[in-house]
Amino acid sequence: MTIWVWDPEKDSKNREKHKLPLETGRFVLDGDPLALSVPDPHPDGDRWRTIGKIRGITTLFVVHTEPVEDEEDGEEYGRIISVRKATAHERKAYENGL
């Protein structure tokens, strides 16, 4: 199972801006088998955009890195960058499986 990490400063900013802790993204990334992920090329490295639901109720949009295995401990780590509620357009895409 992937271990999700995040920057505490970004977490604070995300809480202010989107009213959600970055930790919430774990529930989409690990808990929604129907989550949709697409690559999101970025100058600072490849990122992914994932849309999914928490407990089948709230649809969230999560930006994260692709998990990679740590050579020292063999664990798989990914970094959550941003979490917010999905827009109406994003919810529709999720519901249509796009």
N, C-alpha and C. Protein backbone atom coordinates (compact mmCIF):
# COMPACT_ATOMS: atom_id res chain seq x y z
N MET A 1 0.84 -1.18 0.00
CA MET A 1 0.00 0.00 0.00
C MET A 1 0.89 1.25 0.00
N THR A 2 0.48 2.24 -0.73
CA THR A 2 1.23 3.48 -0.83
C THR A 2 1.14 4.29 0.46
N ILE A 3 2.26 4.85 0.85
CA ILE A 3 2.31 5.77 1.98
C ILE A 3 2.26 7.18 1.38
N TRP A 4 1.22 7.93 1.72
CA TRP A 4 1.05 9.27 1.18
C TRP A 4 1.61 10.29 2.15
N VAL A 5 2.41 11.22 1.63
CA VAL A 5 3.03 12.27 2.43
C VAL A 5 2.65 13.62 1.83
N TRP A 6 2.87 14.69 2.61
CA TRP A 6 2.57 16.04 2.13
C TRP A 6 3.40 17.03 2.92
N ASP A 7 3.56 18.20 2.35
CA ASP A 7 4.29 19.29 2.98
C ASP A 7 3.37 19.98 3.98
N PRO A 8 3.79 20.12 5.24
CA PRO A 8 2.93 20.75 6.25
C PRO A 8 2.53 22.19 5.88
N GLU A 9 3.43 22.92 5.24
CA GLU A 9 3.11 24.30 4.84
C GLU A 9 2.03 24.31 3.76
N LYS A 10 2.15 23.38 2.78
CA LYS A 10 1.12 23.29 1.74
C LYS A 10 -0.21 22.82 2.34
N ASP A 11 -0.12 21.96 3.34
CA ASP A 11 -1.34 21.51 4.01
C ASP A 11 -2.06 22.69 4.65
N SER A 12 -1.32 23.55 5.30
CA SER A 12 -1.91 24.73 5.93
C SER A 12 -2.56 25.64 4.89
N LYS A 13 -1.88 25.85 3.77
CA LYS A 13 -2.42 26.69 2.70
C LYS A 13 -3.66 26.05 2.08
N ASN A 14 -3.64 24.73 1.92
CA ASN A 14 -4.78 24.03 1.33
C ASN A 14 -6.00 24.13 2.25
N ARG A 15 -5.75 24.02 3.57
CA ARG A 15 -6.84 24.16 4.54
C ARG A 15 -7.46 25.55 4.47
N GLU A 16 -6.62 26.58 4.31
CA GLU A 16 -7.13 27.95 4.20
C GLU A 16 -7.92 28.15 2.92
N LYS A 17 -7.35 27.70 1.81
CA LYS A 17 -7.95 27.95 0.50
C LYS A 17 -9.15 27.06 0.20
N HIS A 18 -9.02 25.76 0.48
CA HIS A 18 -10.05 24.79 0.08
C HIS A 18 -10.81 24.17 1.26
N LYS A 19 -10.43 24.52 2.47
CA LYS A 19 -11.09 24.02 3.69
C LYS A 19 -10.98 22.50 3.84
N LEU A 20 -9.90 21.93 3.29
CA LEU A 20 -9.67 20.49 3.38
C LEU A 20 -8.20 20.23 3.69
N PRO A 21 -7.92 19.30 4.61
CA PRO A 21 -6.53 18.91 4.83
C PRO A 21 -6.05 18.01 3.68
N LEU A 22 -4.77 18.07 3.37
CA LEU A 22 -4.23 17.22 2.30
C LEU A 22 -4.43 15.74 2.60
N GLU A 23 -4.43 15.38 3.87
CA GLU A 23 -4.62 13.98 4.26
C GLU A 23 -5.91 13.40 3.67
N THR A 24 -6.91 14.25 3.44
CA THR A 24 -8.19 13.79 2.89
C THR A 24 -7.99 13.09 1.54
N GLY A 25 -6.98 13.51 0.80
CA GLY A 25 -6.71 12.90 -0.50
C GLY A 25 -6.45 11.40 -0.42
N ARG A 26 -5.92 10.93 0.70
CA ARG A 26 -5.66 9.49 0.87
C ARG A 26 -6.92 8.66 0.68
N PHE A 27 -8.05 9.20 1.13
CA PHE A 27 -9.29 8.43 1.07
C PHE A 27 -9.76 8.25 -0.37
N VAL A 28 -9.43 9.20 -1.24
CA VAL A 28 -9.73 9.05 -2.66
C VAL A 28 -8.72 8.10 -3.29
N LEU A 29 -7.44 8.35 -3.05
CA LEU A 29 -6.37 7.59 -3.71
C LEU A 29 -6.35 6.12 -3.28
N ASP A 30 -6.66 5.84 -2.03
CA ASP A 30 -6.63 4.46 -1.54
C ASP A 30 -8.00 3.82 -1.44
N GLY A 31 -9.06 4.65 -1.41
CA GLY A 31 -10.36 4.10 -1.08
C GLY A 31 -11.41 4.06 -2.17
N ASP A 32 -11.16 4.70 -3.32
CA ASP A 32 -12.17 4.70 -4.37
C ASP A 32 -11.68 3.90 -5.57
N PRO A 33 -12.17 2.67 -5.74
CA PRO A 33 -11.73 1.84 -6.86
C PRO A 33 -12.14 2.40 -8.22
N LEU A 34 -13.07 3.35 -8.24
CA LEU A 34 -13.52 3.95 -9.49
C LEU A 34 -12.87 5.30 -9.77
N ALA A 35 -11.90 5.69 -8.94
CA ALA A 35 -11.23 6.99 -9.13
C ALA A 35 -10.60 7.05 -10.52
N LEU A 36 -10.67 8.24 -11.12
CA LEU A 36 -10.09 8.48 -12.43
C LEU A 36 -8.81 9.28 -12.29
N SER A 37 -7.72 8.80 -12.87
CA SER A 37 -6.44 9.49 -12.80
C SER A 37 -5.92 9.77 -14.20
N VAL A 38 -5.41 10.99 -14.40
CA VAL A 38 -4.79 11.36 -15.68
C VAL A 38 -3.48 12.07 -15.37
N PRO A 39 -2.47 11.89 -16.26
CA PRO A 39 -1.21 12.58 -16.05
C PRO A 39 -1.37 14.09 -16.18
N ASP A 40 -0.56 14.82 -15.44
CA ASP A 40 -0.59 16.28 -15.45
C ASP A 40 0.86 16.76 -15.52
N PRO A 41 1.43 16.85 -16.75
CA PRO A 41 2.83 17.29 -16.87
C PRO A 41 3.02 18.65 -16.19
N HIS A 42 4.11 18.78 -15.46
CA HIS A 42 4.37 20.00 -14.69
C HIS A 42 5.87 20.29 -14.74
N PRO A 43 6.26 21.56 -14.78
CA PRO A 43 7.69 21.89 -14.83
C PRO A 43 8.51 21.32 -13.67
N ASP A 44 7.89 21.14 -12.52
CA ASP A 44 8.60 20.61 -11.35
C ASP A 44 8.60 19.09 -11.28
N GLY A 45 8.09 18.43 -12.30
CA GLY A 45 8.02 16.97 -12.30
C GLY A 45 6.62 16.51 -12.60
N ASP A 46 6.50 15.27 -13.03
CA ASP A 46 5.19 14.76 -13.40
C ASP A 46 4.26 14.67 -12.20
N ARG A 47 3.05 15.06 -12.45
CA ARG A 47 1.99 14.99 -11.44
C ARG A 47 0.81 14.26 -12.04
N TRP A 48 -0.11 13.88 -11.17
CA TRP A 48 -1.34 13.23 -11.59
C TRP A 48 -2.52 14.00 -11.03
N ARG A 49 -3.61 13.99 -11.77
CA ARG A 49 -4.88 14.54 -11.30
C ARG A 49 -5.82 13.36 -11.12
N THR A 50 -6.41 13.24 -9.96
CA THR A 50 -7.32 12.14 -9.68
C THR A 50 -8.63 12.69 -9.14
N ILE A 51 -9.73 12.19 -9.70
CA ILE A 51 -11.07 12.54 -9.23
C ILE A 51 -11.68 11.28 -8.65
N GLY A 52 -12.21 11.38 -7.44
CA GLY A 52 -12.84 10.23 -6.81
C GLY A 52 -13.72 10.66 -5.66
N LYS A 53 -14.41 9.67 -5.12
CA LYS A 53 -15.34 9.95 -4.03
C LYS A 53 -14.84 9.40 -2.71
N ILE A 54 -15.26 10.08 -1.65
CA ILE A 54 -15.03 9.60 -0.29
C ILE A 54 -16.36 9.03 0.20
N ARG A 55 -16.32 7.75 0.57
CA ARG A 55 -17.51 7.06 1.08
C ARG A 55 -18.70 7.18 0.13
N GLY A 56 -18.42 7.33 -1.16
CA GLY A 56 -19.49 7.41 -2.15
C GLY A 56 -20.31 8.67 -2.07
N ILE A 57 -19.85 9.69 -1.34
CA ILE A 57 -20.66 10.89 -1.14
C ILE A 57 -20.00 12.13 -1.75
N THR A 58 -18.84 12.51 -1.26
CA THR A 58 -18.18 13.74 -1.67
C THR A 58 -17.15 13.47 -2.76
N THR A 59 -17.25 14.18 -3.88
CA THR A 59 -16.31 14.02 -4.98
C THR A 59 -15.20 15.05 -4.83
N LEU A 60 -13.96 14.56 -4.82
CA LEU A 60 -12.79 15.42 -4.64
C LEU A 60 -11.86 15.34 -5.84
N PHE A 61 -11.09 16.40 -6.02
CA PHE A 61 -10.06 16.51 -7.05
C PHE A 61 -8.72 16.55 -6.32
N VAL A 62 -7.85 15.59 -6.61
CA VAL A 62 -6.57 15.47 -5.90
C VAL A 62 -5.42 15.58 -6.90
N VAL A 63 -4.45 16.42 -6.60
CA VAL A 63 -3.22 16.51 -7.39
C VAL A 63 -2.13 15.84 -6.56
N HIS A 64 -1.38 14.93 -7.20
CA HIS A 64 -0.37 14.16 -6.47
C HIS A 64 0.71 13.68 -7.41
N THR A 65 1.80 13.19 -6.83
CA THR A 65 2.86 12.58 -7.63
C THR A 65 2.54 11.10 -7.80
N GLU A 66 3.19 10.49 -8.77
CA GLU A 66 3.06 9.04 -8.94
C GLU A 66 3.89 8.38 -7.83
N PRO A 67 3.31 7.40 -7.15
CA PRO A 67 4.07 6.73 -6.10
C PRO A 67 5.31 6.02 -6.66
N VAL A 68 6.40 6.11 -5.91
CA VAL A 68 7.65 5.43 -6.29
C VAL A 68 8.19 4.69 -5.07
N GLU A 69 8.91 3.62 -5.35
CA GLU A 69 9.48 2.81 -4.27
C GLU A 69 10.75 3.45 -3.74
N ASP A 70 10.85 3.54 -2.43
CA ASP A 70 12.04 4.06 -1.77
C ASP A 70 13.08 2.95 -1.74
N GLU A 71 14.29 3.24 -2.21
CA GLU A 71 15.34 2.22 -2.28
C GLU A 71 15.79 1.75 -0.90
N GLU A 72 15.71 2.62 0.09
CA GLU A 72 16.19 2.26 1.43
C GLU A 72 15.25 1.34 2.18
N ASP A 73 13.95 1.68 2.20
CA ASP A 73 13.03 0.87 3.00
C ASP A 73 12.08 0.01 2.17
N GLY A 74 12.12 0.16 0.84
CA GLY A 74 11.27 -0.66 -0.02
C GLY A 74 9.81 -0.26 -0.03
N GLU A 75 9.46 0.76 0.73
CA GLU A 75 8.06 1.23 0.78
C GLU A 75 7.78 2.12 -0.43
N GLU A 76 6.51 2.18 -0.81
CA GLU A 76 6.08 3.02 -1.91
C GLU A 76 5.52 4.33 -1.36
N TYR A 77 6.07 5.46 -1.83
CA TYR A 77 5.66 6.78 -1.35
C TYR A 77 5.13 7.63 -2.50
N GLY A 78 4.09 8.39 -2.20
CA GLY A 78 3.56 9.39 -3.12
C GLY A 78 3.31 10.66 -2.33
N ARG A 79 3.32 11.80 -3.03
CA ARG A 79 3.14 13.08 -2.35
C ARG A 79 1.83 13.72 -2.81
N ILE A 80 1.00 14.09 -1.85
CA ILE A 80 -0.25 14.79 -2.15
C ILE A 80 0.06 16.28 -2.18
N ILE A 81 -0.33 16.94 -3.27
CA ILE A 81 0.01 18.34 -3.50
C ILE A 81 -1.18 19.26 -3.23
N SER A 82 -2.37 18.82 -3.62
CA SER A 82 -3.56 19.66 -3.46
C SER A 82 -4.81 18.78 -3.39
N VAL A 83 -5.79 19.22 -2.61
CA VAL A 83 -7.09 18.54 -2.51
C VAL A 83 -8.17 19.62 -2.45
N ARG A 84 -9.20 19.43 -3.27
CA ARG A 84 -10.33 20.35 -3.25
C ARG A 84 -11.58 19.61 -3.69
N LYS A 85 -12.74 20.21 -3.44
CA LYS A 85 -13.97 19.63 -3.95
C LYS A 85 -13.96 19.74 -5.47
N ALA A 86 -14.45 18.71 -6.13
CA ALA A 86 -14.51 18.72 -7.59
C ALA A 86 -15.56 19.71 -8.07
N THR A 87 -15.30 20.30 -9.24
CA THR A 87 -16.28 21.20 -9.85
C THR A 87 -17.41 20.37 -10.44
N ALA A 88 -18.49 21.01 -10.83
CA ALA A 88 -19.62 20.30 -11.46
C ALA A 88 -19.15 19.57 -12.71
N HIS A 89 -18.30 20.21 -13.50
CA HIS A 89 -17.77 19.59 -14.72
C HIS A 89 -16.95 18.34 -14.38
N GLU A 90 -16.11 18.43 -13.36
CA GLU A 90 -15.29 17.29 -12.94
C GLU A 90 -16.14 16.16 -12.38
N ARG A 91 -17.17 16.51 -11.61
CA ARG A 91 -18.08 15.47 -11.08
C ARG A 91 -18.76 14.73 -12.22
N LYS A 92 -19.19 15.46 -13.24
CA LYS A 92 -19.86 14.83 -14.38
C LYS A 92 -18.89 13.89 -15.11
N ALA A 93 -17.65 14.33 -15.30
CA ALA A 93 -16.65 13.47 -15.94
C ALA A 93 -16.44 12.19 -15.14
N TYR A 94 -16.37 12.31 -13.82
CA TYR A 94 -16.21 11.15 -12.95
C TYR A 94 -17.41 10.21 -13.10
N GLU A 95 -18.60 10.77 -13.04
CA GLU A 95 -19.82 9.96 -13.12
C GLU A 95 -19.96 9.26 -14.47
N ASN A 96 -19.41 9.88 -15.52
CA ASN A 96 -19.47 9.28 -16.86
C ASN A 96 -18.26 8.41 -17.15
N GLY A 97 -17.33 8.32 -16.20
CA GLY A 97 -16.16 7.47 -16.38
C GLY A 97 -15.18 7.99 -17.41
N LEU A 98 -15.16 9.31 -17.59
CA LEU A 98 -14.26 9.90 -18.60
C LEU A 98 -12.93 10.18 -17.98
